[in-house]
Amino acid sequence: MPTVKRSEERMVFYFKTQDTPTSVKRKTLKNAANLLGMDETSFLHLAAARLVANVRSGTGRPGDTGDDGRISEVQIAAIRAMEPQDFTPTRSFLDLLSK
């Protein structure tokens, strides 16, 4: 990754007391940054850059893939045929972040 000169501009960032679809606790951010081998500041820059890229590309919201909507019953049947249907998750990725 190229080194970019640091700006003297600063801003204060206040964390929320709980994770929501639009905000995170500091502990969650720190855990996610650690999972990626990054410090918190680098992680915030990455998250902001990705959100800006989504907005510029027209997808608008994080997680919005801009797809064509629902998949057909034939596609659902094909997915089910490829994947075992007896899988039960033992934990959530989000649970890992909030530890």
PDB file of N, CA and C in Angstrom:
ATOM      1  N   MET A   1       0.850  -1.170   0.000  1.00  0.00           N
ATOM      2  CA  MET A   1       0.000   0.000   0.000  1.00  0.00           C
ATOM      3  C   MET A   1       0.903   1.242   0.000  1.00  0.00           C
ATOM      4  N   PRO A   2       0.652   2.210  -0.886  1.00  0.00           N
ATOM      5  CA  PRO A   2       1.519   3.389  -0.939  1.00  0.00           C
ATOM      6  C   PRO A   2       1.365   4.252   0.314  1.00  0.00           C
ATOM      7  N   THR A   3       2.453   4.908   0.676  1.00  0.00           N
ATOM      8  CA  THR A   3       2.423   5.808   1.816  1.00  0.00           C
ATOM      9  C   THR A   3       1.880   7.154   1.350  1.00  0.00           C
ATOM     10  N   VAL A   4       0.905   7.656   2.076  1.00  0.00           N
ATOM     11  CA  VAL A   4       0.294   8.939   1.751  1.00  0.00           C
ATOM     12  C   VAL A   4       0.604   9.897   2.877  1.00  0.00           C
ATOM     13  N   LYS A   5       0.982  11.125   2.514  1.00  0.00           N
ATOM     14  CA  LYS A   5       1.314  12.123   3.521  1.00  0.00           C
ATOM     15  C   LYS A   5       0.095  12.402   4.401  1.00  0.00           C
ATOM     16  N   ARG A   6       0.345  12.471   5.697  1.00  0.00           N
ATOM     17  CA  ARG A   6      -0.728  12.714   6.656  1.00  0.00           C
ATOM     18  C   ARG A   6      -1.129  14.176   6.648  1.00  0.00           C
ATOM     19  N   SER A   7      -2.414  14.428   6.645  1.00  0.00           N
ATOM     20  CA  SER A   7      -2.959  15.778   6.712  1.00  0.00           C
ATOM     21  C   SER A   7      -2.931  16.264   8.157  1.00  0.00           C
ATOM     22  N   GLU A   8      -2.911  17.543   8.329  1.00  0.00           N
ATOM     23  CA  GLU A   8      -2.990  18.104   9.677  1.00  0.00           C
ATOM     24  C   GLU A   8      -4.444  18.225  10.148  1.00  0.00           C
ATOM     25  N   GLU A   9      -5.396  17.938   9.249  1.00  0.00           N
ATOM     26  CA  GLU A   9      -6.808  17.996   9.632  1.00  0.00           C
ATOM     27  C   GLU A   9      -7.121  16.853  10.585  1.00  0.00           C
ATOM     28  N   ARG A  10      -7.923  17.143  11.582  1.00  0.00           N
ATOM     29  CA  ARG A  10      -8.302  16.136  12.573  1.00  0.00           C
ATOM     30  C   ARG A  10      -9.789  16.199  12.828  1.00  0.00           C
ATOM     31  N   MET A  11     -10.300  15.102  13.390  1.00  0.00           N
ATOM     32  CA  MET A  11     -11.692  15.093  13.825  1.00  0.00           C
ATOM     33  C   MET A  11     -11.815  14.194  15.034  1.00  0.00           C
ATOM     34  N   VAL A  12     -12.765  14.474  15.861  1.00  0.00           N
ATOM     35  CA  VAL A  12     -13.023  13.656  17.039  1.00  0.00           C
ATOM     36  C   VAL A  12     -14.031  12.588  16.642  1.00  0.00           C
ATOM     37  N   PHE A  13     -13.795  11.374  17.085  1.00  0.00           N
ATOM     38  CA  PHE A  13     -14.679  10.254  16.778  1.00  0.00           C
ATOM     39  C   PHE A  13     -15.221   9.699  18.080  1.00  0.00           C
ATOM     40  N   TYR A  14     -16.520   9.790  18.278  1.00  0.00           N
ATOM     41  CA  TYR A  14     -17.153   9.259  19.476  1.00  0.00           C
ATOM     42  C   TYR A  14     -17.752   7.892  19.169  1.00  0.00           C
ATOM     43  N   PHE A  15     -17.406   6.919  19.978  1.00  0.00           N
ATOM     44  CA  PHE A  15     -17.948   5.580  19.791  1.00  0.00           C
ATOM     45  C   PHE A  15     -19.322   5.484  20.434  1.00  0.00           C
ATOM     46  N   LYS A  16     -20.103   4.528  19.957  1.00  0.00           N
ATOM     47  CA  LYS A  16     -21.424   4.266  20.514  1.00  0.00           C
ATOM     48  C   LYS A  16     -21.297   3.247  21.649  1.00  0.00           C
ATOM     49  N   THR A  17     -22.349   3.118  22.430  1.00  0.00           N
ATOM     50  CA  THR A  17     -22.330   2.186  23.557  1.00  0.00           C
ATOM     51  C   THR A  17     -22.785   0.792  23.162  1.00  0.00           C
ATOM     52  N   GLN A  18     -23.314   0.648  21.943  1.00  0.00           N
ATOM     53  CA  GLN A  18     -23.699  -0.671  21.445  1.00  0.00           C
ATOM     54  C   GLN A  18     -23.551  -0.709  19.930  1.00  0.00           C
ATOM     55  N   ASP A  19     -23.401  -1.914  19.401  1.00  0.00           N
ATOM     56  CA  ASP A  19     -23.322  -2.100  17.959  1.00  0.00           C
ATOM     57  C   ASP A  19     -24.718  -2.013  17.353  1.00  0.00           C
ATOM     58  N   THR A  20     -24.835  -1.312  16.246  1.00  0.00           N
ATOM     59  CA  THR A  20     -26.089  -1.199  15.501  1.00  0.00           C
ATOM     60  C   THR A  20     -25.736  -1.322  14.015  1.00  0.00           C
ATOM     61  N   PRO A  21     -26.720  -1.330  13.136  1.00  0.00           N
ATOM     62  CA  PRO A  21     -26.395  -1.375  11.703  1.00  0.00           C
ATOM     63  C   PRO A  21     -25.598  -0.164  11.214  1.00  0.00           C
ATOM     64  N   THR A  22     -25.604   0.931  11.978  1.00  0.00           N
ATOM     65  CA  THR A  22     -24.901   2.140  11.530  1.00  0.00           C
ATOM     66  C   THR A  22     -23.816   2.619  12.486  1.00  0.00           C
ATOM     67  N   SER A  23     -23.508   1.842  13.515  1.00  0.00           N
ATOM     68  CA  SER A  23     -22.483   2.269  14.466  1.00  0.00           C
ATOM     69  C   SER A  23     -21.872   1.065  15.179  1.00  0.00           C
ATOM     70  N   VAL A  24     -20.692   1.288  15.766  1.00  0.00           N
ATOM     71  CA  VAL A  24     -20.012   0.205  16.486  1.00  0.00           C
ATOM     72  C   VAL A  24     -19.424   0.716  17.796  1.00  0.00           C
ATOM     73  N   LYS A  25     -19.268  -0.238  18.717  1.00  0.00           N
ATOM     74  CA  LYS A  25     -18.550   0.054  19.951  1.00  0.00           C
ATOM     75  C   LYS A  25     -17.057   0.035  19.636  1.00  0.00           C
ATOM     76  N   ARG A  26     -16.274   0.672  20.479  1.00  0.00           N
ATOM     77  CA  ARG A  26     -14.827   0.674  20.269  1.00  0.00           C
ATOM     78  C   ARG A  26     -14.253  -0.738  20.330  1.00  0.00           C
ATOM     79  N   LYS A  27     -14.753  -1.537  21.254  1.00  0.00           N
ATOM     80  CA  LYS A  27     -14.262  -2.899  21.400  1.00  0.00           C
ATOM     81  C   LYS A  27     -14.472  -3.693  20.108  1.00  0.00           C
ATOM     82  N   THR A  28     -15.613  -3.507  19.463  1.00  0.00           N
ATOM     83  CA  THR A  28     -15.903  -4.188  18.206  1.00  0.00           C
ATOM     84  C   THR A  28     -14.933  -3.746  17.122  1.00  0.00           C
ATOM     85  N   LEU A  29     -14.700  -2.432  17.026  1.00  0.00           N
ATOM     86  CA  LEU A  29     -13.774  -1.909  16.028  1.00  0.00           C
ATOM     87  C   LEU A  29     -12.364  -2.426  16.273  1.00  0.00           C
ATOM     88  N   LYS A  30     -11.947  -2.408  17.527  1.00  0.00           N
ATOM     89  CA  LYS A  30     -10.600  -2.873  17.870  1.00  0.00           C
ATOM     90  C   LYS A  30     -10.431  -4.351  17.524  1.00  0.00           C
ATOM     91  N   ASN A  31     -11.431  -5.178  17.830  1.00  0.00           N
ATOM     92  CA  ASN A  31     -11.356  -6.602  17.515  1.00  0.00           C
ATOM     93  C   ASN A  31     -11.304  -6.841  16.005  1.00  0.00           C
ATOM     94  N   ALA A  32     -12.110  -6.115  15.259  1.00  0.00           N
ATOM     95  CA  ALA A  32     -12.107  -6.269  13.800  1.00  0.00           C
ATOM     96  C   ALA A  32     -10.768  -5.836  13.218  1.00  0.00           C
ATOM     97  N   ALA A  33     -10.224  -4.729  13.703  1.00  0.00           N
ATOM     98  CA  ALA A  33      -8.914  -4.263  13.242  1.00  0.00           C
ATOM     99  C   ALA A  33      -7.841  -5.295  13.542  1.00  0.00           C
ATOM    100  N   ASN A  34      -7.883  -5.868  14.728  1.00  0.00           N
ATOM    101  CA  ASN A  34      -6.904  -6.896  15.108  1.00  0.00           C
ATOM    102  C   ASN A  34      -7.008  -8.128  14.217  1.00  0.00           C
ATOM    103  N   LEU A  35      -8.245  -8.530  13.880  1.00  0.00           N
ATOM    104  CA  LEU A  35      -8.427  -9.681  13.003  1.00  0.00           C
ATOM    105  C   LEU A  35      -7.773  -9.448  11.644  1.00  0.00           C
ATOM    106  N   LEU A  36      -7.731  -8.186  11.203  1.00  0.00           N
ATOM    107  CA  LEU A  36      -7.121  -7.849   9.915  1.00  0.00           C
ATOM    108  C   LEU A  36      -5.662  -7.435  10.052  1.00  0.00           C
ATOM    109  N   GLY A  37      -5.136  -7.426  11.280  1.00  0.00           N
ATOM    110  CA  GLY A  37      -3.751  -7.038  11.496  1.00  0.00           C
ATOM    111  C   GLY A  37      -3.508  -5.553  11.304  1.00  0.00           C
ATOM    112  N   MET A  38      -4.495  -4.742  11.639  1.00  0.00           N
ATOM    113  CA  MET A  38      -4.412  -3.294  11.446  1.00  0.00           C
ATOM    114  C   MET A  38      -4.572  -2.575  12.775  1.00  0.00           C
ATOM    115  N   ASP A  39      -4.125  -1.308  12.812  1.00  0.00           N
ATOM    116  CA  ASP A  39      -4.452  -0.491  13.979  1.00  0.00           C
ATOM    117  C   ASP A  39      -5.831   0.139  13.739  1.00  0.00           C
ATOM    118  N   GLU A  40      -6.385   0.731  14.783  1.00  0.00           N
ATOM    119  CA  GLU A  40      -7.742   1.277  14.699  1.00  0.00           C
ATOM    120  C   GLU A  40      -7.866   2.391  13.661  1.00  0.00           C
ATOM    121  N   THR A  41      -6.870   3.258  13.589  1.00  0.00           N
ATOM    122  CA  THR A  41      -6.926   4.375  12.637  1.00  0.00           C
ATOM    123  C   THR A  41      -6.936   3.860  11.201  1.00  0.00           C
ATOM    124  N   SER A  42      -6.061   2.907  10.909  1.00  0.00           N
ATOM    125  CA  SER A  42      -6.024   2.339   9.556  1.00  0.00           C
ATOM    126  C   SER A  42      -7.342   1.659   9.218  1.00  0.00           C
ATOM    127  N   PHE A  43      -7.914   0.974  10.205  1.00  0.00           N
ATOM    128  CA  PHE A  43      -9.195   0.307   9.986  1.00  0.00           C
ATOM    129  C   PHE A  43     -10.292   1.323   9.671  1.00  0.00           C
ATOM    130  N   LEU A  44     -10.335   2.437  10.416  1.00  0.00           N
ATOM    131  CA  LEU A  44     -11.332   3.473  10.144  1.00  0.00           C
ATOM    132  C   LEU A  44     -11.161   4.058   8.746  1.00  0.00           C
ATOM    133  N   HIS A  45      -9.910   4.284   8.332  1.00  0.00           N
ATOM    134  CA  HIS A  45      -9.664   4.794   6.981  1.00  0.00           C
ATOM    135  C   HIS A  45     -10.149   3.800   5.925  1.00  0.00           C
ATOM    136  N   LEU A  46      -9.859   2.503   6.148  1.00  0.00           N
ATOM    137  CA  LEU A  46     -10.302   1.479   5.207  1.00  0.00           C
ATOM    138  C   LEU A  46     -11.826   1.439   5.119  1.00  0.00           C
ATOM    139  N   ALA A  47     -12.485   1.458   6.259  1.00  0.00           N
ATOM    140  CA  ALA A  47     -13.948   1.408   6.277  1.00  0.00           C
ATOM    141  C   ALA A  47     -14.541   2.624   5.575  1.00  0.00           C
ATOM    142  N   ALA A  48     -13.997   3.803   5.848  1.00  0.00           N
ATOM    143  CA  ALA A  48     -14.503   5.020   5.208  1.00  0.00           C
ATOM    144  C   ALA A  48     -14.258   4.981   3.702  1.00  0.00           C
ATOM    145  N   ALA A  49     -13.077   4.523   3.287  1.00  0.00           N
ATOM    146  CA  ALA A  49     -12.760   4.452   1.857  1.00  0.00           C
ATOM    147  C   ALA A  49     -13.695   3.491   1.134  1.00  0.00           C
ATOM    148  N   ARG A  50     -13.991   2.362   1.763  1.00  0.00           N
ATOM    149  CA  ARG A  50     -14.905   1.397   1.135  1.00  0.00           C
ATOM    150  C   ARG A  50     -16.329   1.945   1.049  1.00  0.00           C
ATOM    151  N   LEU A  51     -16.766   2.645   2.074  1.00  0.00           N
ATOM    152  CA  LEU A  51     -18.098   3.240   2.038  1.00  0.00           C
ATOM    153  C   LEU A  51     -18.181   4.291   0.934  1.00  0.00           C
ATOM    154  N   VAL A  52     -17.152   5.129   0.818  1.00  0.00           N
ATOM    155  CA  VAL A  52     -17.124   6.141  -0.247  1.00  0.00           C
ATOM    156  C   VAL A  52     -17.171   5.458  -1.618  1.00  0.00           C
ATOM    157  N   ALA A  53     -16.408   4.372  -1.783  1.00  0.00           N
ATOM    158  CA  ALA A  53     -16.421   3.643  -3.058  1.00  0.00           C
ATOM    159  C   ALA A  53     -17.815   3.096  -3.361  1.00  0.00           C
ATOM    160  N   ASN A  54     -18.500   2.574  -2.336  1.00  0.00           N
ATOM    161  CA  ASN A  54     -19.874   2.084  -2.535  1.00  0.00           C
ATOM    162  C   ASN A  54     -20.796   3.199  -2.971  1.00  0.00           C
ATOM    163  N   VAL A  55     -20.694   4.332  -2.323  1.00  0.00           N
ATOM    164  CA  VAL A  55     -21.565   5.462  -2.661  1.00  0.00           C
ATOM    165  C   VAL A  55     -21.284   5.934  -4.082  1.00  0.00           C
ATOM    166  N   ARG A  56     -20.004   6.054  -4.428  1.00  0.00           N
ATOM    167  CA  ARG A  56     -19.635   6.509  -5.777  1.00  0.00           C
ATOM    168  C   ARG A  56     -20.066   5.530  -6.860  1.00  0.00           C
ATOM    169  N   SER A  57     -20.068   4.244  -6.541  1.00  0.00           N
ATOM    170  CA  SER A  57     -20.429   3.246  -7.551  1.00  0.00           C
ATOM    171  C   SER A  57     -21.939   3.134  -7.725  1.00  0.00           C
ATOM    172  N   GLY A  58     -22.682   3.807  -6.875  1.00  0.00           N
ATOM    173  CA  GLY A  58     -24.128   3.793  -7.010  1.00  0.00           C
ATOM    174  C   GLY A  58     -24.827   2.772  -6.150  1.00  0.00           C
ATOM    175  N   THR A  59     -24.073   1.944  -5.431  1.00  0.00           N
ATOM    176  CA  THR A  59     -24.754   0.968  -4.580  1.00  0.00           C
ATOM    177  C   THR A  59     -25.324   1.640  -3.338  1.00  0.00           C
ATOM    178  N   GLY A  60     -24.769   2.792  -2.980  1.00  0.00           N
ATOM    179  CA  GLY A  60     -25.353   3.609  -1.923  1.00  0.00           C
ATOM    180  C   GLY A  60     -25.049   3.174  -0.518  1.00  0.00           C
ATOM    181  N   ARG A  61     -25.636   2.081  -0.093  1.00  0.00           N
ATOM    182  CA  ARG A  61     -25.479   1.651   1.292  1.00  0.00           C
ATOM    183  C   ARG A  61     -24.517   0.488   1.396  1.00  0.00           C
ATOM    184  N   PRO A  62     -23.809   0.371   2.536  1.00  0.00           N
ATOM    185  CA  PRO A  62     -22.944  -0.785   2.724  1.00  0.00           C
ATOM    186  C   PRO A  62     -23.761  -2.066   2.633  1.00  0.00           C
ATOM    187  N   GLY A  63     -23.245  -3.030   1.942  1.00  0.00           N
ATOM    188  CA  GLY A  63     -23.953  -4.294   1.809  1.00  0.00           C
ATOM    189  C   GLY A  63     -24.945  -4.328   0.672  1.00  0.00           C
ATOM    190  N   ASP A  64     -25.253  -3.188   0.068  1.00  0.00           N
ATOM    191  CA  ASP A  64     -26.180  -3.123  -1.055  1.00  0.00           C
ATOM    192  C   ASP A  64     -25.407  -3.516  -2.306  1.00  0.00           C
ATOM    193  N   THR A  65     -25.694  -4.668  -2.849  1.00  0.00           N
ATOM    194  CA  THR A  65     -24.940  -5.163  -4.000  1.00  0.00           C
ATOM    195  C   THR A  65     -25.463  -4.626  -5.319  1.00  0.00           C
ATOM    196  N   GLY A  66     -26.591  -3.956  -5.295  1.00  0.00           N
ATOM    197  CA  GLY A  66     -27.149  -3.447  -6.537  1.00  0.00           C
ATOM    198  C   GLY A  66     -27.604  -4.570  -7.453  1.00  0.00           C
ATOM    199  N   ASP A  67     -28.011  -5.697  -6.878  1.00  0.00           N
ATOM    200  CA  ASP A  67     -28.409  -6.834  -7.711  1.00  0.00           C
ATOM    201  C   ASP A  67     -29.806  -6.624  -8.290  1.00  0.00           C
ATOM    202  N   ASP A  68     -30.283  -7.636  -9.012  1.00  0.00           N
ATOM    203  CA  ASP A  68     -31.571  -7.538  -9.696  1.00  0.00           C
ATOM    204  C   ASP A  68     -32.741  -8.026  -8.853  1.00  0.00           C
ATOM    205  N   GLY A  69     -32.507  -8.261  -7.594  1.00  0.00           N
ATOM    206  CA  GLY A  69     -33.613  -8.678  -6.736  1.00  0.00           C
ATOM    207  C   GLY A  69     -33.585 -10.153  -6.406  1.00  0.00           C
ATOM    208  N   ARG A  70     -34.763 -10.710  -6.194  1.00  0.00           N
ATOM    209  CA  ARG A  70     -34.896 -12.102  -5.750  1.00  0.00           C
ATOM    210  C   ARG A  70     -34.336 -13.083  -6.774  1.00  0.00           C
ATOM    211  N   ILE A  71     -33.853 -14.219  -6.248  1.00  0.00           N
ATOM    212  CA  ILE A  71     -33.399 -15.271  -7.150  1.00  0.00           C
ATOM    213  C   ILE A  71     -34.562 -16.220  -7.424  1.00  0.00           C
ATOM    214  N   SER A  72     -34.460 -16.945  -8.507  1.00  0.00           N
ATOM    215  CA  SER A  72     -35.567 -17.820  -8.916  1.00  0.00           C
ATOM    216  C   SER A  72     -35.588 -19.096  -8.075  1.00  0.00           C
ATOM    217  N   GLU A  73     -36.706 -19.792  -8.147  1.00  0.00           N
ATOM    218  CA  GLU A  73     -36.843 -21.076  -7.453  1.00  0.00           C
ATOM    219  C   GLU A  73     -35.842 -22.088  -7.998  1.00  0.00           C
ATOM    220  N   VAL A  74     -35.547 -22.021  -9.291  1.00  0.00           N
ATOM    221  CA  VAL A  74     -34.565 -22.929  -9.898  1.00  0.00           C
ATOM    222  C   VAL A  74     -33.184 -22.663  -9.292  1.00  0.00           C
ATOM    223  N   GLN A  75     -32.819 -21.390  -9.105  1.00  0.00           N
ATOM    224  CA  GLN A  75     -31.539 -21.050  -8.500  1.00  0.00           C
ATOM    225  C   GLN A  75     -31.481 -21.512  -7.047  1.00  0.00           C
ATOM    226  N   ILE A  76     -32.566 -21.339  -6.315  1.00  0.00           N
ATOM    227  CA  ILE A  76     -32.619 -21.792  -4.920  1.00  0.00           C
ATOM    228  C   ILE A  76     -32.432 -23.299  -4.852  1.00  0.00           C
ATOM    229  N   ALA A  77     -33.102 -24.034  -5.731  1.00  0.00           N
ATOM    230  CA  ALA A  77     -32.975 -25.494  -5.750  1.00  0.00           C
ATOM    231  C   ALA A  77     -31.538 -25.902  -6.065  1.00  0.00           C
ATOM    232  N   ALA A  78     -30.883 -25.198  -6.985  1.00  0.00           N
ATOM    233  CA  ALA A  78     -29.494 -25.519  -7.341  1.00  0.00           C
ATOM    234  C   ALA A  78     -28.559 -25.278  -6.155  1.00  0.00           C
ATOM    235  N   ILE A  79     -28.762 -24.201  -5.426  1.00  0.00           N
ATOM    236  CA  ILE A  79     -27.949 -23.897  -4.244  1.00  0.00           C
ATOM    237  C   ILE A  79     -28.157 -24.962  -3.178  1.00  0.00           C
ATOM    238  N   ARG A  80     -29.409 -25.318  -2.941  1.00  0.00           N
ATOM    239  CA  ARG A  80     -29.710 -26.345  -1.929  1.00  0.00           C
ATOM    240  C   ARG A  80     -29.109 -27.698  -2.306  1.00  0.00           C
ATOM    241  N   ALA A  81     -29.059 -27.999  -3.594  1.00  0.00           N
ATOM    242  CA  ALA A  81     -28.481 -29.267  -4.034  1.00  0.00           C
ATOM    243  C   ALA A  81     -26.972 -29.292  -3.808  1.00  0.00           C
ATOM    244  N   MET A  82     -26.335 -28.144  -3.852  1.00  0.00           N
ATOM    245  CA  MET A  82     -24.877 -28.073  -3.675  1.00  0.00           C
ATOM    246  C   MET A  82     -24.454 -28.027  -2.215  1.00  0.00           C
ATOM    247  N   GLU A  83     -25.318 -27.573  -1.321  1.00  0.00           N
ATOM    248  CA  GLU A  83     -24.961 -27.363   0.079  1.00  0.00           C
ATOM    249  C   GLU A  83     -25.749 -28.281   0.995  1.00  0.00           C
ATOM    250  N   PRO A  84     -25.077 -28.877   2.001  1.00  0.00           N
ATOM    251  CA  PRO A  84     -25.803 -29.707   2.961  1.00  0.00           C
ATOM    252  C   PRO A  84     -26.827 -28.870   3.723  1.00  0.00           C
ATOM    253  N   GLN A  85     -27.985 -29.446   3.943  1.00  0.00           N
ATOM    254  CA  GLN A  85     -29.061 -28.702   4.597  1.00  0.00           C
ATOM    255  C   GLN A  85     -29.137 -28.943   6.100  1.00  0.00           C
ATOM    256  N   ASP A  86     -28.225 -29.749   6.628  1.00  0.00           N
ATOM    257  CA  ASP A  86     -28.267 -30.048   8.060  1.00  0.00           C
ATOM    258  C   ASP A  86     -27.258 -29.231   8.863  1.00  0.00           C
ATOM    259  N   PHE A  87     -26.624 -28.224   8.244  1.00  0.00           N
ATOM    260  CA  PHE A  87     -25.623 -27.409   8.930  1.00  0.00           C
ATOM    261  C   PHE A  87     -26.282 -26.481   9.941  1.00  0.00           C
ATOM    262  N   THR A  88     -25.732 -26.464  11.160  1.00  0.00           N
ATOM    263  CA  THR A  88     -26.183 -25.539  12.196  1.00  0.00           C
ATOM    264  C   THR A  88     -24.966 -24.754  12.673  1.00  0.00           C
ATOM    265  N   PRO A  89     -24.969 -23.429  12.477  1.00  0.00           N
ATOM    266  CA  PRO A  89     -23.810 -22.640  12.916  1.00  0.00           C
ATOM    267  C   PRO A  89     -23.633 -22.733  14.429  1.00  0.00           C
ATOM    268  N   THR A  90     -22.362 -22.774  14.861  1.00  0.00           N
ATOM    269  CA  THR A  90     -22.073 -22.850  16.292  1.00  0.00           C
ATOM    270  C   THR A  90     -21.812 -21.480  16.892  1.00  0.00           C
ATOM    271  N   ARG A  91     -21.468 -20.505  16.039  1.00  0.00           N
ATOM    272  CA  ARG A  91     -21.267 -19.146  16.522  1.00  0.00           C
ATOM    273  C   ARG A  91     -21.337 -18.188  15.346  1.00  0.00           C
ATOM    274  N   SER A  92     -21.463 -16.934  15.652  1.00  0.00           N
ATOM    275  CA  SER A  92     -21.601 -15.886  14.646  1.00  0.00           C
ATOM    276  C   SER A  92     -20.305 -15.111  14.504  1.00  0.00           C
ATOM    277  N   PHE A  93     -20.003 -14.674  13.298  1.00  0.00           N
ATOM    278  CA  PHE A  93     -18.836 -13.818  13.077  1.00  0.00           C
ATOM    279  C   PHE A  93     -18.949 -12.554  13.939  1.00  0.00           C
ATOM    280  N   LEU A  94     -20.146 -12.008  14.060  1.00  0.00           N
ATOM    281  CA  LEU A  94     -20.323 -10.800  14.872  1.00  0.00           C
ATOM    282  C   LEU A  94     -20.037 -11.075  16.344  1.00  0.00           C
ATOM    283  N   ASP A  95     -20.311 -12.298  16.792  1.00  0.00           N
ATOM    284  CA  ASP A  95     -19.968 -12.657  18.179  1.00  0.00           C
ATOM    285  C   ASP A  95     -18.469 -12.594  18.393  1.00  0.00           C
ATOM    286  N   LEU A  96     -17.691 -12.999  17.400  1.00  0.00           N
ATOM    287  CA  LEU A  96     -16.228 -12.938  17.500  1.00  0.00           C
ATOM    288  C   LEU A  96     -15.752 -11.504  17.639  1.00  0.00           C
ATOM    289  N   LEU A  97     -16.406 -10.574  16.946  1.00  0.00           N
ATOM    290  CA  LEU A  97     -15.990  -9.180  16.978  1.00  0.00           C
ATOM    291  C   LEU A  97     -16.267  -8.511  18.317  1.00  0.00           C
ATOM    292  N   SER A  98     -17.302  -8.924  18.993  1.00  0.00           N
ATOM    293  CA  SER A  98     -17.687  -8.236  20.223  1.00  0.00           C
ATOM    294  C   SER A  98     -17.018  -8.803  21.468  1.00  0.00           C
ATOM    295  N   LYS A  99     -16.106  -9.769  21.306  1.00  0.00           N
ATOM    296  CA  LYS A  99     -15.404 -10.323  22.467  1.00  0.00           C
ATOM    297  C   LYS A  99     -14.301  -9.410  22.921  1.00  0.00           C
TER     298      LYS A  99
END
